Amino acid sequence: RSTNLSQHGFFVEGFVDELAAAAGVDPLAMRRQLVGDNAKGAAVLDALAATFDFRRPRGRNRGVGLAIADGWNC
């Protein structure tokens, strides 16, 4: 059971991906801009960018995704 955080995060983050694709913007860069002055969110996204190569080709029928959800203002 949950308080809808996981479901809400899934749909919101999926929509962020759709917005980024429609705008021709990198999804990680869009999320970095959306977190604004949220230091924790920015640190998480910066760590992801430094650790994982999102732009590397994955091959046929392969993909990679990311999401960030701030539950309970942690």
PDB file of N, CA and C in Angstrom:
ATOM      1  N   ARG A   1       0.826  -1.172   0.000  1.00  0.00           N
ATOM      2  CA  ARG A   1       0.000   0.000   0.000  1.00  0.00           C
ATOM      3  C   ARG A   1       0.874   1.240   0.000  1.00  0.00           C
ATOM      4  N   SER A   2       0.319   2.267  -0.506  1.00  0.00           N
ATOM      5  CA  SER A   2       1.048   3.525  -0.586  1.00  0.00           C
ATOM      6  C   SER A   2       0.039   4.661  -0.503  1.00  0.00           C
ATOM      7  N   THR A   3       0.560   5.831  -0.412  1.00  0.00           N
ATOM      8  CA  THR A   3      -0.298   7.016  -0.412  1.00  0.00           C
ATOM      9  C   THR A   3      -0.353   7.629  -1.800  1.00  0.00           C
ATOM     10  N   ASN A   4      -0.246   6.786  -2.811  1.00  0.00           N
ATOM     11  CA  ASN A   4      -0.263   7.183  -4.216  1.00  0.00           C
ATOM     12  C   ASN A   4       1.011   7.858  -4.685  1.00  0.00           C
ATOM     13  N   LEU A   5       2.043   7.941  -3.841  1.00  0.00           N
ATOM     14  CA  LEU A   5       3.290   8.565  -4.265  1.00  0.00           C
ATOM     15  C   LEU A   5       3.896   7.823  -5.448  1.00  0.00           C
ATOM     16  N   SER A   6       3.965   6.497  -5.362  1.00  0.00           N
ATOM     17  CA  SER A   6       4.606   5.752  -6.443  1.00  0.00           C
ATOM     18  C   SER A   6       3.812   5.860  -7.748  1.00  0.00           C
ATOM     19  N   GLN A   7       2.512   5.744  -7.667  1.00  0.00           N
ATOM     20  CA  GLN A   7       1.696   5.848  -8.878  1.00  0.00           C
ATOM     21  C   GLN A   7       1.754   7.263  -9.448  1.00  0.00           C
ATOM     22  N   HIS A   8       1.629   8.236  -8.600  1.00  0.00           N
ATOM     23  CA  HIS A   8       1.656   9.625  -9.044  1.00  0.00           C
ATOM     24  C   HIS A   8       3.001   9.944  -9.678  1.00  0.00           C
ATOM     25  N   GLY A   9       4.082   9.534  -9.024  1.00  0.00           N
ATOM     26  CA  GLY A   9       5.419   9.770  -9.568  1.00  0.00           C
ATOM     27  C   GLY A   9       5.611   9.125 -10.923  1.00  0.00           C
ATOM     28  N   PHE A  10       5.114   7.902 -11.081  1.00  0.00           N
ATOM     29  CA  PHE A  10       5.234   7.195 -12.354  1.00  0.00           C
ATOM     30  C   PHE A  10       4.576   7.982 -13.483  1.00  0.00           C
ATOM     31  N   PHE A  11       3.352   8.435 -13.268  1.00  0.00           N
ATOM     32  CA  PHE A  11       2.640   9.138 -14.326  1.00  0.00           C
ATOM     33  C   PHE A  11       3.208  10.524 -14.586  1.00  0.00           C
ATOM     34  N   VAL A  12       3.579  11.228 -13.541  1.00  0.00           N
ATOM     35  CA  VAL A  12       4.169  12.561 -13.731  1.00  0.00           C
ATOM     36  C   VAL A  12       5.492  12.446 -14.475  1.00  0.00           C
ATOM     37  N   GLU A  13       6.340  11.533 -14.056  1.00  0.00           N
ATOM     38  CA  GLU A  13       7.645  11.399 -14.700  1.00  0.00           C
ATOM     39  C   GLU A  13       7.524  10.900 -16.133  1.00  0.00           C
ATOM     40  N   GLY A  14       6.560  10.035 -16.399  1.00  0.00           N
ATOM     41  CA  GLY A  14       6.317   9.625 -17.778  1.00  0.00           C
ATOM     42  C   GLY A  14       5.905  10.804 -18.645  1.00  0.00           C
ATOM     43  N   PHE A  15       5.094  11.678 -18.079  1.00  0.00           N
ATOM     44  CA  PHE A  15       4.664  12.869 -18.819  1.00  0.00           C
ATOM     45  C   PHE A  15       5.835  13.821 -19.031  1.00  0.00           C
ATOM     46  N   VAL A  16       6.724  13.941 -18.055  1.00  0.00           N
ATOM     47  CA  VAL A  16       7.913  14.780 -18.225  1.00  0.00           C
ATOM     48  C   VAL A  16       8.741  14.257 -19.402  1.00  0.00           C
ATOM     49  N   ASP A  17       8.866  12.934 -19.521  1.00  0.00           N
ATOM     50  CA  ASP A  17       9.575  12.358 -20.663  1.00  0.00           C
ATOM     51  C   ASP A  17       8.899  12.725 -21.980  1.00  0.00           C
ATOM     52  N   GLU A  18       7.577  12.679 -22.011  1.00  0.00           N
ATOM     53  CA  GLU A  18       6.850  13.037 -23.227  1.00  0.00           C
ATOM     54  C   GLU A  18       7.049  14.509 -23.566  1.00  0.00           C
ATOM     55  N   LEU A  19       7.011  15.368 -22.557  1.00  0.00           N
ATOM     56  CA  LEU A  19       7.245  16.796 -22.783  1.00  0.00           C
ATOM     57  C   LEU A  19       8.646  17.043 -23.324  1.00  0.00           C
ATOM     58  N   ALA A  20       9.630  16.373 -22.734  1.00  0.00           N
ATOM     59  CA  ALA A  20      11.012  16.537 -23.185  1.00  0.00           C
ATOM     60  C   ALA A  20      11.162  16.086 -24.637  1.00  0.00           C
ATOM     61  N   ALA A  21      10.556  14.953 -24.979  1.00  0.00           N
ATOM     62  CA  ALA A  21      10.640  14.455 -26.357  1.00  0.00           C
ATOM     63  C   ALA A  21       9.979  15.429 -27.334  1.00  0.00           C
ATOM     64  N   ALA A  22       8.815  15.950 -26.963  1.00  0.00           N
ATOM     65  CA  ALA A  22       8.101  16.889 -27.835  1.00  0.00           C
ATOM     66  C   ALA A  22       8.879  18.187 -28.021  1.00  0.00           C
ATOM     67  N   ALA A  23       9.600  18.590 -26.987  1.00  0.00           N
ATOM     68  CA  ALA A  23      10.369  19.832 -27.058  1.00  0.00           C
ATOM     69  C   ALA A  23      11.767  19.617 -27.627  1.00  0.00           C
ATOM     70  N   GLY A  24      12.149  18.355 -27.839  1.00  0.00           N
ATOM     71  CA  GLY A  24      13.494  18.066 -28.327  1.00  0.00           C
ATOM     72  C   GLY A  24      14.571  18.365 -27.299  1.00  0.00           C
ATOM     73  N   VAL A  25      14.219  18.180 -26.022  1.00  0.00           N
ATOM     74  CA  VAL A  25      15.120  18.497 -24.912  1.00  0.00           C
ATOM     75  C   VAL A  25      15.540  17.205 -24.225  1.00  0.00           C
ATOM     76  N   ASP A  26      16.760  17.161 -23.738  1.00  0.00           N
ATOM     77  CA  ASP A  26      17.255  16.020 -22.986  1.00  0.00           C
ATOM     78  C   ASP A  26      16.427  15.860 -21.709  1.00  0.00           C
ATOM     79  N   PRO A  27      15.891  14.656 -21.437  1.00  0.00           N
ATOM     80  CA  PRO A  27      15.048  14.462 -20.256  1.00  0.00           C
ATOM     81  C   PRO A  27      15.767  14.748 -18.935  1.00  0.00           C
ATOM     82  N   LEU A  28      17.033  14.412 -18.855  1.00  0.00           N
ATOM     83  CA  LEU A  28      17.790  14.703 -17.636  1.00  0.00           C
ATOM     84  C   LEU A  28      17.958  16.207 -17.454  1.00  0.00           C
ATOM     85  N   ALA A  29      18.283  16.910 -18.522  1.00  0.00           N
ATOM     86  CA  ALA A  29      18.432  18.367 -18.450  1.00  0.00           C
ATOM     87  C   ALA A  29      17.113  19.037 -18.078  1.00  0.00           C
ATOM     88  N   MET A  30      16.000  18.511 -18.618  1.00  0.00           N
ATOM     89  CA  MET A  30      14.701  19.089 -18.283  1.00  0.00           C
ATOM     90  C   MET A  30      14.395  18.915 -16.803  1.00  0.00           C
ATOM     91  N   ARG A  31      14.670  17.725 -16.283  1.00  0.00           N
ATOM     92  CA  ARG A  31      14.423  17.495 -14.853  1.00  0.00           C
ATOM     93  C   ARG A  31      15.335  18.371 -13.996  1.00  0.00           C
ATOM     94  N   ARG A  32      16.567  18.542 -14.445  1.00  0.00           N
ATOM     95  CA  ARG A  32      17.509  19.393 -13.689  1.00  0.00           C
ATOM     96  C   ARG A  32      16.969  20.816 -13.606  1.00  0.00           C
ATOM     97  N   GLN A  33      16.387  21.290 -14.689  1.00  0.00           N
ATOM     98  CA  GLN A  33      15.798  22.627 -14.692  1.00  0.00           C
ATOM     99  C   GLN A  33      14.544  22.672 -13.814  1.00  0.00           C
ATOM    100  N   LEU A  34      13.739  21.613 -13.858  1.00  0.00           N
ATOM    101  CA  LEU A  34      12.495  21.598 -13.095  1.00  0.00           C
ATOM    102  C   LEU A  34      12.709  21.546 -11.582  1.00  0.00           C
ATOM    103  N   VAL A  35      13.816  20.956 -11.120  1.00  0.00           N
ATOM    104  CA  VAL A  35      14.026  20.897  -9.668  1.00  0.00           C
ATOM    105  C   VAL A  35      14.415  22.262  -9.111  1.00  0.00           C
ATOM    106  N   GLY A  36      14.826  23.172  -9.988  1.00  0.00           N
ATOM    107  CA  GLY A  36      15.115  24.535  -9.565  1.00  0.00           C
ATOM    108  C   GLY A  36      16.112  24.606  -8.427  1.00  0.00           C
ATOM    109  N   ASP A  37      15.707  25.221  -7.321  1.00  0.00           N
ATOM    110  CA  ASP A  37      16.618  25.410  -6.193  1.00  0.00           C
ATOM    111  C   ASP A  37      16.496  24.307  -5.135  1.00  0.00           C
ATOM    112  N   ASN A  38      15.886  23.186  -5.497  1.00  0.00           N
ATOM    113  CA  ASN A  38      15.811  22.032  -4.600  1.00  0.00           C
ATOM    114  C   ASN A  38      17.183  21.362  -4.593  1.00  0.00           C
ATOM    115  N   ALA A  39      17.980  21.645  -3.582  1.00  0.00           N
ATOM    116  CA  ALA A  39      19.366  21.171  -3.537  1.00  0.00           C
ATOM    117  C   ALA A  39      19.460  19.646  -3.534  1.00  0.00           C
ATOM    118  N   LYS A  40      18.578  18.989  -2.819  1.00  0.00           N
ATOM    119  CA  LYS A  40      18.623  17.522  -2.778  1.00  0.00           C
ATOM    120  C   LYS A  40      18.287  16.923  -4.137  1.00  0.00           C
ATOM    121  N   GLY A  41      17.246  17.420  -4.769  1.00  0.00           N
ATOM    122  CA  GLY A  41      16.876  16.923  -6.089  1.00  0.00           C
ATOM    123  C   GLY A  41      17.970  17.171  -7.111  1.00  0.00           C
ATOM    124  N   ALA A  42      18.565  18.358  -7.064  1.00  0.00           N
ATOM    125  CA  ALA A  42      19.651  18.683  -7.986  1.00  0.00           C
ATOM    126  C   ALA A  42      20.853  17.773  -7.757  1.00  0.00           C
ATOM    127  N   ALA A  43      21.159  17.480  -6.495  1.00  0.00           N
ATOM    128  CA  ALA A  43      22.292  16.604  -6.186  1.00  0.00           C
ATOM    129  C   ALA A  43      22.056  15.193  -6.711  1.00  0.00           C
ATOM    130  N   VAL A  44      20.830  14.701  -6.591  1.00  0.00           N
ATOM    131  CA  VAL A  44      20.504  13.365  -7.102  1.00  0.00           C
ATOM    132  C   VAL A  44      20.675  13.329  -8.621  1.00  0.00           C
ATOM    133  N   LEU A  45      20.140  14.312  -9.307  1.00  0.00           N
ATOM    134  CA  LEU A  45      20.244  14.333 -10.766  1.00  0.00           C
ATOM    135  C   LEU A  45      21.680  14.535 -11.226  1.00  0.00           C
ATOM    136  N   ASP A  46      22.445  15.360 -10.518  1.00  0.00           N
ATOM    137  CA  ASP A  46      23.850  15.554 -10.867  1.00  0.00           C
ATOM    138  C   ASP A  46      24.650  14.267 -10.664  1.00  0.00           C
ATOM    139  N   ALA A  47      24.341  13.529  -9.605  1.00  0.00           N
ATOM    140  CA  ALA A  47      25.021  12.252  -9.363  1.00  0.00           C
ATOM    141  C   ALA A  47      24.675  11.248 -10.459  1.00  0.00           C
ATOM    142  N   LEU A  48      23.406  11.228 -10.875  1.00  0.00           N
ATOM    143  CA  LEU A  48      23.004  10.348 -11.978  1.00  0.00           C
ATOM    144  C   LEU A  48      23.758  10.692 -13.255  1.00  0.00           C
ATOM    145  N   ALA A  49      23.844  11.971 -13.555  1.00  0.00           N
ATOM    146  CA  ALA A  49      24.525  12.404 -14.774  1.00  0.00           C
ATOM    147  C   ALA A  49      26.005  12.033 -14.742  1.00  0.00           C
ATOM    148  N   ALA A  50      26.631  12.117 -13.572  1.00  0.00           N
ATOM    149  CA  ALA A  50      28.048  11.794 -13.448  1.00  0.00           C
ATOM    150  C   ALA A  50      28.310  10.294 -13.461  1.00  0.00           C
ATOM    151  N   THR A  51      27.332   9.503 -13.050  1.00  0.00           N
ATOM    152  CA  THR A  51      27.528   8.071 -12.874  1.00  0.00           C
ATOM    153  C   THR A  51      27.087   7.252 -14.074  1.00  0.00           C
ATOM    154  N   PHE A  52      26.010   7.665 -14.737  1.00  0.00           N
ATOM    155  CA  PHE A  52      25.377   6.827 -15.741  1.00  0.00           C
ATOM    156  C   PHE A  52      25.345   7.535 -17.083  1.00  0.00           C
ATOM    157  N   ASP A  53      25.765   6.862 -18.132  1.00  0.00           N
ATOM    158  CA  ASP A  53      25.774   7.437 -19.471  1.00  0.00           C
ATOM    159  C   ASP A  53      24.425   7.202 -20.151  1.00  0.00           C
ATOM    160  N   PHE A  54      23.531   8.182 -20.045  1.00  0.00           N
ATOM    161  CA  PHE A  54      22.188   8.044 -20.605  1.00  0.00           C
ATOM    162  C   PHE A  54      22.186   8.100 -22.130  1.00  0.00           C
ATOM    163  N   ARG A  55      23.201   8.697 -22.713  1.00  0.00           N
ATOM    164  CA  ARG A  55      23.218   8.892 -24.165  1.00  0.00           C
ATOM    165  C   ARG A  55      23.828   7.712 -24.924  1.00  0.00           C
ATOM    166  N   ARG A  56      24.402   6.763 -24.240  1.00  0.00           N
ATOM    167  CA  ARG A  56      25.026   5.609 -24.902  1.00  0.00           C
ATOM    168  C   ARG A  56      23.956   4.781 -25.608  1.00  0.00           C
ATOM    169  N   PRO A  57      24.177   4.426 -26.871  1.00  0.00           N
ATOM    170  CA  PRO A  57      23.211   3.576 -27.570  1.00  0.00           C
ATOM    171  C   PRO A  57      23.042   2.244 -26.841  1.00  0.00           C
ATOM    172  N   ARG A  58      21.824   1.773 -26.714  1.00  0.00           N
ATOM    173  CA  ARG A  58      21.531   0.556 -25.963  1.00  0.00           C
ATOM    174  C   ARG A  58      21.254  -0.645 -26.853  1.00  0.00           C
ATOM    175  N   GLY A  59      21.077  -0.428 -28.125  1.00  0.00           N
ATOM    176  CA  GLY A  59      20.767  -1.545 -29.003  1.00  0.00           C
ATOM    177  C   GLY A  59      19.278  -1.651 -29.266  1.00  0.00           C
ATOM    178  N   ARG A  60      18.948  -2.582 -30.110  1.00  0.00           N
ATOM    179  CA  ARG A  60      17.561  -2.752 -30.522  1.00  0.00           C
ATOM    180  C   ARG A  60      16.686  -3.189 -29.349  1.00  0.00           C
ATOM    181  N   ASN A  61      15.534  -2.543 -29.212  1.00  0.00           N
ATOM    182  CA  ASN A  61      14.561  -2.859 -28.162  1.00  0.00           C
ATOM    183  C   ASN A  61      15.112  -2.691 -26.757  1.00  0.00           C
ATOM    184  N   ARG A  62      16.063  -1.807 -26.604  1.00  0.00           N
ATOM    185  CA  ARG A  62      16.639  -1.526 -25.291  1.00  0.00           C
ATOM    186  C   ARG A  62      16.491  -0.038 -25.009  1.00  0.00           C
ATOM    187  N   GLY A  63      16.328   0.287 -23.752  1.00  0.00           N
ATOM    188  CA  GLY A  63      16.205   1.682 -23.376  1.00  0.00           C
ATOM    189  C   GLY A  63      16.612   1.886 -21.936  1.00  0.00           C
ATOM    190  N   VAL A  64      16.604   3.114 -21.542  1.00  0.00           N
ATOM    191  CA  VAL A  64      16.931   3.460 -20.169  1.00  0.00           C
ATOM    192  C   VAL A  64      16.072   4.653 -19.773  1.00  0.00           C
ATOM    193  N   GLY A  65      15.728   4.729 -18.530  1.00  0.00           N
ATOM    194  CA  GLY A  65      14.904   5.834 -18.075  1.00  0.00           C
ATOM    195  C   GLY A  65      15.335   6.317 -16.713  1.00  0.00           C
ATOM    196  N   LEU A  66      14.790   7.440 -16.317  1.00  0.00           N
ATOM    197  CA  LEU A  66      15.053   7.964 -14.997  1.00  0.00           C
ATOM    198  C   LEU A  66      13.808   8.673 -14.506  1.00  0.00           C
ATOM    199  N   ALA A  67      13.719   8.814 -13.220  1.00  0.00           N
ATOM    200  CA  ALA A  67      12.599   9.507 -12.605  1.00  0.00           C
ATOM    201  C   ALA A  67      13.053  10.037 -11.259  1.00  0.00           C
ATOM    202  N   ILE A  68      12.412  11.082 -10.823  1.00  0.00           N
ATOM    203  CA  ILE A  68      12.692  11.615  -9.490  1.00  0.00           C
ATOM    204  C   ILE A  68      11.364  12.037  -8.883  1.00  0.00           C
ATOM    205  N   ALA A  69      11.135  11.620  -7.657  1.00  0.00           N
ATOM    206  CA  ALA A  69       9.893  11.971  -6.968  1.00  0.00           C
ATOM    207  C   ALA A  69      10.246  12.426  -5.563  1.00  0.00           C
ATOM    208  N   ASP A  70       9.680  13.518  -5.144  1.00  0.00           N
ATOM    209  CA  ASP A  70       9.941  14.075  -3.820  1.00  0.00           C
ATOM    210  C   ASP A  70       8.732  13.822  -2.948  1.00  0.00           C
ATOM    211  N   GLY A  71       8.781  12.747  -2.188  1.00  0.00           N
ATOM    212  CA  GLY A  71       7.666  12.419  -1.314  1.00  0.00           C
ATOM    213  C   GLY A  71       7.896  12.937   0.091  1.00  0.00           C
ATOM    214  N   TRP A  72       6.910  13.519   0.624  1.00  0.00           N
ATOM    215  CA  TRP A  72       6.942  14.014   2.001  1.00  0.00           C
ATOM    216  C   TRP A  72       8.021  15.056   2.231  1.00  0.00           C
ATOM    217  N   ASN A  73       8.429  15.741   1.153  1.00  0.00           N
ATOM    218  CA  ASN A  73       9.423  16.832   1.245  1.00  0.00           C
ATOM    219  C   ASN A  73      10.684  16.413   1.975  1.00  0.00           C
ATOM    220  N   CYS A  74      11.188  15.241   1.647  1.00  0.00           N
ATOM    221  CA  CYS A  74      12.410  14.737   2.290  1.00  0.00           C
ATOM    222  C   CYS A  74      13.644  15.404   1.738  1.00  0.00           C
TER     223      CYS A  74
END
